[in-house]
Amino acid sequence: MSDLATQFEAARADSKNLPEKPDNMTLLKLYAFYKQGSEGDVNTERPGMTQFVDRAKWDAWNELKGSSKESAQQGYIDLIESLK
């Protein structure tokens, strides 16, 4: 496992022990960075209008479309570090 992948997994573990819960916009950023860093570009249909949370998550992930897994993993790591 590469050093970045190791840091990414450590940041994922750290995300469960943050001093306080991040606001919703930060949670969406974390979700998007995590999904892009682990799965790559969004690969599902956009949820329907009544699925507000799922749609917001999908939109956040879709904004990162085309960015590399490595840059998304680094973004996730940096954001978790700033929240500690």
PDB file of N, CA and C in Angstrom:
ATOM      1  N   MET A   1       0.845  -1.178   0.000  1.00  0.00           N
ATOM      2  CA  MET A   1       0.000   0.000   0.000  1.00  0.00           C
ATOM      3  C   MET A   1       0.892   1.244   0.000  1.00  0.00           C
ATOM      4  N   SER A   2       0.555   2.204  -0.838  1.00  0.00           N
ATOM      5  CA  SER A   2       1.374   3.406  -0.930  1.00  0.00           C
ATOM      6  C   SER A   2       1.240   4.247   0.339  1.00  0.00           C
ATOM      7  N   ASP A   3       2.169   5.168   0.494  1.00  0.00           N
ATOM      8  CA  ASP A   3       2.151   6.049   1.658  1.00  0.00           C
ATOM      9  C   ASP A   3       0.873   6.878   1.687  1.00  0.00           C
ATOM     10  N   LEU A   4       0.429   7.370   0.517  1.00  0.00           N
ATOM     11  CA  LEU A   4      -0.797   8.168   0.449  1.00  0.00           C
ATOM     12  C   LEU A   4      -2.006   7.329   0.848  1.00  0.00           C
ATOM     13  N   ALA A   5      -2.066   6.095   0.373  1.00  0.00           N
ATOM     14  CA  ALA A   5      -3.179   5.212   0.723  1.00  0.00           C
ATOM     15  C   ALA A   5      -3.193   4.929   2.224  1.00  0.00           C
ATOM     16  N   THR A   6      -2.025   4.785   2.821  1.00  0.00           N
ATOM     17  CA  THR A   6      -1.931   4.560   4.261  1.00  0.00           C
ATOM     18  C   THR A   6      -2.430   5.783   5.023  1.00  0.00           C
ATOM     19  N   GLN A   7      -2.029   6.969   4.579  1.00  0.00           N
ATOM     20  CA  GLN A   7      -2.487   8.210   5.217  1.00  0.00           C
ATOM     21  C   GLN A   7      -3.989   8.381   5.052  1.00  0.00           C
ATOM     22  N   PHE A   8      -4.505   7.993   3.879  1.00  0.00           N
ATOM     23  CA  PHE A   8      -5.941   8.088   3.592  1.00  0.00           C
ATOM     24  C   PHE A   8      -6.729   7.207   4.556  1.00  0.00           C
ATOM     25  N   GLU A   9      -6.270   5.987   4.755  1.00  0.00           N
ATOM     26  CA  GLU A   9      -6.947   5.077   5.689  1.00  0.00           C
ATOM     27  C   GLU A   9      -6.839   5.575   7.133  1.00  0.00           C
ATOM     28  N   ALA A  10      -5.696   6.155   7.477  1.00  0.00           N
ATOM     29  CA  ALA A  10      -5.532   6.714   8.828  1.00  0.00           C
ATOM     30  C   ALA A  10      -6.484   7.899   9.020  1.00  0.00           C
ATOM     31  N   ALA A  11      -6.632   8.728   7.990  1.00  0.00           N
ATOM     32  CA  ALA A  11      -7.548   9.871   8.069  1.00  0.00           C
ATOM     33  C   ALA A  11      -8.991   9.385   8.200  1.00  0.00           C
ATOM     34  N   ARG A  12      -9.321   8.303   7.499  1.00  0.00           N
ATOM     35  CA  ARG A  12     -10.670   7.731   7.605  1.00  0.00           C
ATOM     36  C   ARG A  12     -10.940   7.305   9.044  1.00  0.00           C
ATOM     37  N   ALA A  13      -9.957   6.675   9.661  1.00  0.00           N
ATOM     38  CA  ALA A  13     -10.112   6.265  11.056  1.00  0.00           C
ATOM     39  C   ALA A  13     -10.216   7.492  11.971  1.00  0.00           C
ATOM     40  N   ASP A  14      -9.403   8.508  11.699  1.00  0.00           N
ATOM     41  CA  ASP A  14      -9.429   9.734  12.497  1.00  0.00           C
ATOM     42  C   ASP A  14     -10.772  10.460  12.374  1.00  0.00           C
ATOM     43  N   SER A  15     -11.444  10.299  11.242  1.00  0.00           N
ATOM     44  CA  SER A  15     -12.710  11.009  11.024  1.00  0.00           C
ATOM     45  C   SER A  15     -13.772  10.589  12.046  1.00  0.00           C
ATOM     46  N   LYS A  16     -13.616   9.415  12.604  1.00  0.00           N
ATOM     47  CA  LYS A  16     -14.586   8.916  13.579  1.00  0.00           C
ATOM     48  C   LYS A  16     -14.326   9.462  14.980  1.00  0.00           C
ATOM     49  N   ASN A  17     -13.193  10.142  15.166  1.00  0.00           N
ATOM     50  CA  ASN A  17     -12.813  10.636  16.493  1.00  0.00           C
ATOM     51  C   ASN A  17     -12.541  12.137  16.506  1.00  0.00           C
ATOM     52  N   LEU A  18     -13.255  12.886  15.684  1.00  0.00           N
ATOM     53  CA  LEU A  18     -13.054  14.329  15.648  1.00  0.00           C
ATOM     54  C   LEU A  18     -13.607  14.952  16.927  1.00  0.00           C
ATOM     55  N   PRO A  19     -13.027  16.085  17.359  1.00  0.00           N
ATOM     56  CA  PRO A  19     -13.485  16.706  18.603  1.00  0.00           C
ATOM     57  C   PRO A  19     -14.949  17.156  18.557  1.00  0.00           C
ATOM     58  N   GLU A  20     -15.420  17.571  17.383  1.00  0.00           N
ATOM     59  CA  GLU A  20     -16.823  17.936  17.238  1.00  0.00           C
ATOM     60  C   GLU A  20     -17.291  17.592  15.829  1.00  0.00           C
ATOM     61  N   LYS A  21     -18.592  17.401  15.695  1.00  0.00           N
ATOM     62  CA  LYS A  21     -19.148  17.033  14.401  1.00  0.00           C
ATOM     63  C   LYS A  21     -19.055  18.227  13.452  1.00  0.00           C
ATOM     64  N   PRO A  22     -18.517  18.019  12.247  1.00  0.00           N
ATOM     65  CA  PRO A  22     -18.423  19.109  11.272  1.00  0.00           C
ATOM     66  C   PRO A  22     -19.813  19.539  10.787  1.00  0.00           C
ATOM     67  N   ASP A  23     -19.890  20.757  10.247  1.00  0.00           N
ATOM     68  CA  ASP A  23     -21.154  21.236   9.693  1.00  0.00           C
ATOM     69  C   ASP A  23     -21.491  20.449   8.422  1.00  0.00           C
ATOM     70  N   ASN A  24     -22.708  20.608   7.943  1.00  0.00           N
ATOM     71  CA  ASN A  24     -23.185  19.812   6.808  1.00  0.00           C
ATOM     72  C   ASN A  24     -22.369  20.024   5.536  1.00  0.00           C
ATOM     73  N   MET A  25     -21.945  21.248   5.262  1.00  0.00           N
ATOM     74  CA  MET A  25     -21.160  21.501   4.048  1.00  0.00           C
ATOM     75  C   MET A  25     -19.801  20.789   4.125  1.00  0.00           C
ATOM     76  N   THR A  26     -19.203  20.786   5.294  1.00  0.00           N
ATOM     77  CA  THR A  26     -17.925  20.092   5.473  1.00  0.00           C
ATOM     78  C   THR A  26     -18.125  18.583   5.354  1.00  0.00           C
ATOM     79  N   LEU A  27     -19.226  18.086   5.911  1.00  0.00           N
ATOM     80  CA  LEU A  27     -19.524  16.657   5.773  1.00  0.00           C
ATOM     81  C   LEU A  27     -19.695  16.267   4.312  1.00  0.00           C
ATOM     82  N   LEU A  28     -20.322  17.126   3.518  1.00  0.00           N
ATOM     83  CA  LEU A  28     -20.470  16.842   2.084  1.00  0.00           C
ATOM     84  C   LEU A  28     -19.114  16.815   1.386  1.00  0.00           C
ATOM     85  N   LYS A  29     -18.229  17.742   1.755  1.00  0.00           N
ATOM     86  CA  LYS A  29     -16.882  17.753   1.172  1.00  0.00           C
ATOM     87  C   LYS A  29     -16.138  16.469   1.535  1.00  0.00           C
ATOM     88  N   LEU A  30     -16.236  16.078   2.801  1.00  0.00           N
ATOM     89  CA  LEU A  30     -15.576  14.841   3.238  1.00  0.00           C
ATOM     90  C   LEU A  30     -16.111  13.647   2.458  1.00  0.00           C
ATOM     91  N   TYR A  31     -17.424  13.581   2.314  1.00  0.00           N
ATOM     92  CA  TYR A  31     -18.053  12.490   1.567  1.00  0.00           C
ATOM     93  C   TYR A  31     -17.532  12.460   0.130  1.00  0.00           C
ATOM     94  N   ALA A  32     -17.532  13.624  -0.514  1.00  0.00           N
ATOM     95  CA  ALA A  32     -17.106  13.692  -1.912  1.00  0.00           C
ATOM     96  C   ALA A  32     -15.641  13.290  -2.068  1.00  0.00           C
ATOM     97  N   PHE A  33     -14.772  13.828  -1.213  1.00  0.00           N
ATOM     98  CA  PHE A  33     -13.350  13.457  -1.284  1.00  0.00           C
ATOM     99  C   PHE A  33     -13.174  11.961  -1.050  1.00  0.00           C
ATOM    100  N   TYR A  34     -13.905  11.419  -0.068  1.00  0.00           N
ATOM    101  CA  TYR A  34     -13.767   9.997   0.235  1.00  0.00           C
ATOM    102  C   TYR A  34     -14.218   9.133  -0.943  1.00  0.00           C
ATOM    103  N   LYS A  35     -15.386   9.438  -1.496  1.00  0.00           N
ATOM    104  CA  LYS A  35     -15.909   8.635  -2.607  1.00  0.00           C
ATOM    105  C   LYS A  35     -15.006   8.743  -3.831  1.00  0.00           C
ATOM    106  N   GLN A  36     -14.541   9.952  -4.149  1.00  0.00           N
ATOM    107  CA  GLN A  36     -13.660  10.129  -5.310  1.00  0.00           C
ATOM    108  C   GLN A  36     -12.326   9.429  -5.063  1.00  0.00           C
ATOM    109  N   GLY A  37     -11.833   9.510  -3.832  1.00  0.00           N
ATOM    110  CA  GLY A  37     -10.556   8.892  -3.486  1.00  0.00           C
ATOM    111  C   GLY A  37     -10.605   7.382  -3.417  1.00  0.00           C
ATOM    112  N   SER A  38     -11.786   6.814  -3.148  1.00  0.00           N
ATOM    113  CA  SER A  38     -11.876   5.361  -3.039  1.00  0.00           C
ATOM    114  C   SER A  38     -12.490   4.703  -4.271  1.00  0.00           C
ATOM    115  N   GLU A  39     -13.421   5.385  -4.945  1.00  0.00           N
ATOM    116  CA  GLU A  39     -14.105   4.770  -6.082  1.00  0.00           C
ATOM    117  C   GLU A  39     -13.849   5.451  -7.419  1.00  0.00           C
ATOM    118  N   GLY A  40     -13.396   6.697  -7.401  1.00  0.00           N
ATOM    119  CA  GLY A  40     -13.229   7.436  -8.648  1.00  0.00           C
ATOM    120  C   GLY A  40     -14.507   8.196  -8.985  1.00  0.00           C
ATOM    121  N   ASP A  41     -14.683   8.500 -10.265  1.00  0.00           N
ATOM    122  CA  ASP A  41     -15.828   9.301 -10.698  1.00  0.00           C
ATOM    123  C   ASP A  41     -17.156   8.660 -10.319  1.00  0.00           C
ATOM    124  N   VAL A  42     -18.145   9.531 -10.081  1.00  0.00           N
ATOM    125  CA  VAL A  42     -19.495   9.078  -9.739  1.00  0.00           C
ATOM    126  C   VAL A  42     -19.992   8.127 -10.835  1.00  0.00           C
ATOM    127  N   ASN A  43     -20.599   7.026 -10.404  1.00  0.00           N
ATOM    128  CA  ASN A  43     -20.959   5.978 -11.357  1.00  0.00           C
ATOM    129  C   ASN A  43     -22.407   5.523 -11.214  1.00  0.00           C
ATOM    130  N   THR A  44     -23.238   6.396 -10.655  1.00  0.00           N
ATOM    131  CA  THR A  44     -24.641   6.062 -10.465  1.00  0.00           C
ATOM    132  C   THR A  44     -25.506   7.191 -11.023  1.00  0.00           C
ATOM    133  N   GLU A  45     -26.785   6.906 -11.171  1.00  0.00           N
ATOM    134  CA  GLU A  45     -27.730   7.923 -11.604  1.00  0.00           C
ATOM    135  C   GLU A  45     -27.958   8.922 -10.471  1.00  0.00           C
ATOM    136  N   ARG A  46     -28.246  10.165 -10.842  1.00  0.00           N
ATOM    137  CA  ARG A  46     -28.541  11.186  -9.834  1.00  0.00           C
ATOM    138  C   ARG A  46     -29.865  10.844  -9.163  1.00  0.00           C
ATOM    139  N   PRO A  47     -29.890  10.849  -7.814  1.00  0.00           N
ATOM    140  CA  PRO A  47     -31.130  10.540  -7.096  1.00  0.00           C
ATOM    141  C   PRO A  47     -32.249  11.530  -7.431  1.00  0.00           C
ATOM    142  N   GLY A  48     -33.460  11.099  -7.180  1.00  0.00           N
ATOM    143  CA  GLY A  48     -34.633  11.913  -7.485  1.00  0.00           C
ATOM    144  C   GLY A  48     -34.765  13.144  -6.597  1.00  0.00           C
ATOM    145  N   MET A  49     -35.664  14.029  -6.998  1.00  0.00           N
ATOM    146  CA  MET A  49     -35.874  15.309  -6.309  1.00  0.00           C
ATOM    147  C   MET A  49     -36.258  15.152  -4.837  1.00  0.00           C
ATOM    148  N   THR A  50     -36.940  14.082  -4.480  1.00  0.00           N
ATOM    149  CA  THR A  50     -37.395  13.919  -3.099  1.00  0.00           C
ATOM    150  C   THR A  50     -36.330  13.316  -2.186  1.00  0.00           C
ATOM    151  N   GLN A  51     -35.242  12.871  -2.753  1.00  0.00           N
ATOM    152  CA  GLN A  51     -34.154  12.284  -1.956  1.00  0.00           C
ATOM    153  C   GLN A  51     -33.096  13.363  -1.708  1.00  0.00           C
ATOM    154  N   PHE A  52     -33.424  14.291  -0.822  1.00  0.00           N
ATOM    155  CA  PHE A  52     -32.614  15.488  -0.624  1.00  0.00           C
ATOM    156  C   PHE A  52     -31.175  15.184  -0.209  1.00  0.00           C
ATOM    157  N   VAL A  53     -31.006  14.332   0.781  1.00  0.00           N
ATOM    158  CA  VAL A  53     -29.665  14.032   1.292  1.00  0.00           C
ATOM    159  C   VAL A  53     -28.846  13.289   0.242  1.00  0.00           C
ATOM    160  N   ASP A  54     -29.436  12.249  -0.349  1.00  0.00           N
ATOM    161  CA  ASP A  54     -28.714  11.475  -1.362  1.00  0.00           C
ATOM    162  C   ASP A  54     -28.352  12.344  -2.562  1.00  0.00           C
ATOM    163  N   ARG A  55     -29.241  13.240  -2.918  1.00  0.00           N
ATOM    164  CA  ARG A  55     -28.991  14.124  -4.056  1.00  0.00           C
ATOM    165  C   ARG A  55     -27.843  15.094  -3.745  1.00  0.00           C
ATOM    166  N   ALA A  56     -27.816  15.638  -2.533  1.00  0.00           N
ATOM    167  CA  ALA A  56     -26.743  16.552  -2.134  1.00  0.00           C
ATOM    168  C   ALA A  56     -25.402  15.821  -2.124  1.00  0.00           C
ATOM    169  N   LYS A  57     -25.391  14.596  -1.633  1.00  0.00           N
ATOM    170  CA  LYS A  57     -24.158  13.805  -1.623  1.00  0.00           C
ATOM    171  C   LYS A  57     -23.694  13.515  -3.050  1.00  0.00           C
ATOM    172  N   TRP A  58     -24.633  13.132  -3.917  1.00  0.00           N
ATOM    173  CA  TRP A  58     -24.304  12.834  -5.309  1.00  0.00           C
ATOM    174  C   TRP A  58     -23.729  14.069  -5.990  1.00  0.00           C
ATOM    175  N   ASP A  59     -24.374  15.226  -5.775  1.00  0.00           N
ATOM    176  CA  ASP A  59     -23.903  16.472  -6.387  1.00  0.00           C
ATOM    177  C   ASP A  59     -22.497  16.833  -5.915  1.00  0.00           C
ATOM    178  N   ALA A  60     -22.241  16.667  -4.614  1.00  0.00           N
ATOM    179  CA  ALA A  60     -20.908  16.973  -4.076  1.00  0.00           C
ATOM    180  C   ALA A  60     -19.850  16.064  -4.702  1.00  0.00           C
ATOM    181  N   TRP A  61     -20.161  14.784  -4.815  1.00  0.00           N
ATOM    182  CA  TRP A  61     -19.225  13.832  -5.420  1.00  0.00           C
ATOM    183  C   TRP A  61     -19.032  14.149  -6.893  1.00  0.00           C
ATOM    184  N   ASN A  62     -20.101  14.476  -7.587  1.00  0.00           N
ATOM    185  CA  ASN A  62     -20.039  14.758  -9.020  1.00  0.00           C
ATOM    186  C   ASN A  62     -19.181  15.990  -9.322  1.00  0.00           C
ATOM    187  N   GLU A  63     -19.100  16.933  -8.377  1.00  0.00           N
ATOM    188  CA  GLU A  63     -18.263  18.122  -8.573  1.00  0.00           C
ATOM    189  C   GLU A  63     -16.787  17.760  -8.703  1.00  0.00           C
ATOM    190  N   LEU A  64     -16.394  16.624  -8.175  1.00  0.00           N
ATOM    191  CA  LEU A  64     -14.991  16.185  -8.250  1.00  0.00           C
ATOM    192  C   LEU A  64     -14.715  15.310  -9.470  1.00  0.00           C
ATOM    193  N   LYS A  65     -15.706  15.123 -10.309  1.00  0.00           N
ATOM    194  CA  LYS A  65     -15.565  14.261 -11.486  1.00  0.00           C
ATOM    195  C   LYS A  65     -14.355  14.695 -12.308  1.00  0.00           C
ATOM    196  N   GLY A  66     -13.538  13.731 -12.661  1.00  0.00           N
ATOM    197  CA  GLY A  66     -12.355  14.009 -13.461  1.00  0.00           C
ATOM    198  C   GLY A  66     -11.088  14.220 -12.648  1.00  0.00           C
ATOM    199  N   SER A  67     -11.225  14.458 -11.348  1.00  0.00           N
ATOM    200  CA  SER A  67     -10.018  14.614 -10.528  1.00  0.00           C
ATOM    201  C   SER A  67      -9.473  13.225 -10.184  1.00  0.00           C
ATOM    202  N   SER A  68      -8.189  13.164  -9.965  1.00  0.00           N
ATOM    203  CA  SER A  68      -7.560  11.872  -9.697  1.00  0.00           C
ATOM    204  C   SER A  68      -7.899  11.374  -8.303  1.00  0.00           C
ATOM    205  N   LYS A  69      -7.799  10.063  -8.141  1.00  0.00           N
ATOM    206  CA  LYS A  69      -8.014   9.473  -6.814  1.00  0.00           C
ATOM    207  C   LYS A  69      -7.001  10.034  -5.829  1.00  0.00           C
ATOM    208  N   GLU A  70      -5.768  10.221  -6.294  1.00  0.00           N
ATOM    209  CA  GLU A  70      -4.713  10.707  -5.409  1.00  0.00           C
ATOM    210  C   GLU A  70      -5.001  12.121  -4.906  1.00  0.00           C
ATOM    211  N   SER A  71      -5.463  13.008  -5.798  1.00  0.00           N
ATOM    212  CA  SER A  71      -5.739  14.381  -5.353  1.00  0.00           C
ATOM    213  C   SER A  71      -6.939  14.399  -4.407  1.00  0.00           C
ATOM    214  N   ALA A  72      -7.930  13.533  -4.634  1.00  0.00           N
ATOM    215  CA  ALA A  72      -9.077  13.445  -3.734  1.00  0.00           C
ATOM    216  C   ALA A  72      -8.656  12.889  -2.378  1.00  0.00           C
ATOM    217  N   GLN A  73      -7.782  11.890  -2.382  1.00  0.00           N
ATOM    218  CA  GLN A  73      -7.295  11.336  -1.115  1.00  0.00           C
ATOM    219  C   GLN A  73      -6.529  12.404  -0.333  1.00  0.00           C
ATOM    220  N   GLN A  74      -5.709  13.197  -1.028  1.00  0.00           N
ATOM    221  CA  GLN A  74      -4.960  14.253  -0.349  1.00  0.00           C
ATOM    222  C   GLN A  74      -5.903  15.318   0.186  1.00  0.00           C
ATOM    223  N   GLY A  75      -6.939  15.651  -0.568  1.00  0.00           N
ATOM    224  CA  GLY A  75      -7.937  16.611  -0.096  1.00  0.00           C
ATOM    225  C   GLY A  75      -8.635  16.121   1.157  1.00  0.00           C
ATOM    226  N   TYR A  76      -8.964  14.842   1.193  1.00  0.00           N
ATOM    227  CA  TYR A  76      -9.612  14.242   2.358  1.00  0.00           C
ATOM    228  C   TYR A  76      -8.680  14.302   3.569  1.00  0.00           C
ATOM    229  N   ILE A  77      -7.435  13.909   3.368  1.00  0.00           N
ATOM    230  CA  ILE A  77      -6.445  13.923   4.450  1.00  0.00           C
ATOM    231  C   ILE A  77      -6.290  15.344   5.001  1.00  0.00           C
ATOM    232  N   ASP A  78      -6.143  16.320   4.105  1.00  0.00           N
ATOM    233  CA  ASP A  78      -5.958  17.710   4.528  1.00  0.00           C
ATOM    234  C   ASP A  78      -7.167  18.235   5.290  1.00  0.00           C
ATOM    235  N   LEU A  79      -8.372  17.900   4.827  1.00  0.00           N
ATOM    236  CA  LEU A  79      -9.576  18.377   5.493  1.00  0.00           C
ATOM    237  C   LEU A  79      -9.719  17.759   6.888  1.00  0.00           C
ATOM    238  N   ILE A  80      -9.435  16.467   7.007  1.00  0.00           N
ATOM    239  CA  ILE A  80      -9.491  15.814   8.323  1.00  0.00           C
ATOM    240  C   ILE A  80      -8.465  16.450   9.257  1.00  0.00           C
ATOM    241  N   GLU A  81      -7.264  16.700   8.757  1.00  0.00           N
ATOM    242  CA  GLU A  81      -6.229  17.317   9.597  1.00  0.00           C
ATOM    243  C   GLU A  81      -6.670  18.686  10.097  1.00  0.00           C
ATOM    244  N   SER A  82      -7.354  19.454   9.242  1.00  0.00           N
ATOM    245  CA  SER A  82      -7.803  20.784   9.651  1.00  0.00           C
ATOM    246  C   SER A  82      -8.925  20.731  10.690  1.00  0.00           C
ATOM    247  N   LEU A  83      -9.621  19.604  10.773  1.00  0.00           N
ATOM    248  CA  LEU A  83     -10.728  19.457  11.721  1.00  0.00           C
ATOM    249  C   LEU A  83     -10.291  18.907  13.078  1.00  0.00           C
ATOM    250  N   LYS A  84      -9.071  18.406  13.152  1.00  0.00           N
ATOM    251  CA  LYS A  84      -8.594  17.814  14.411  1.00  0.00           C
ATOM    252  C   LYS A  84      -8.381  18.884  15.470  1.00  0.00           C
TER     253      LYS A  84
END
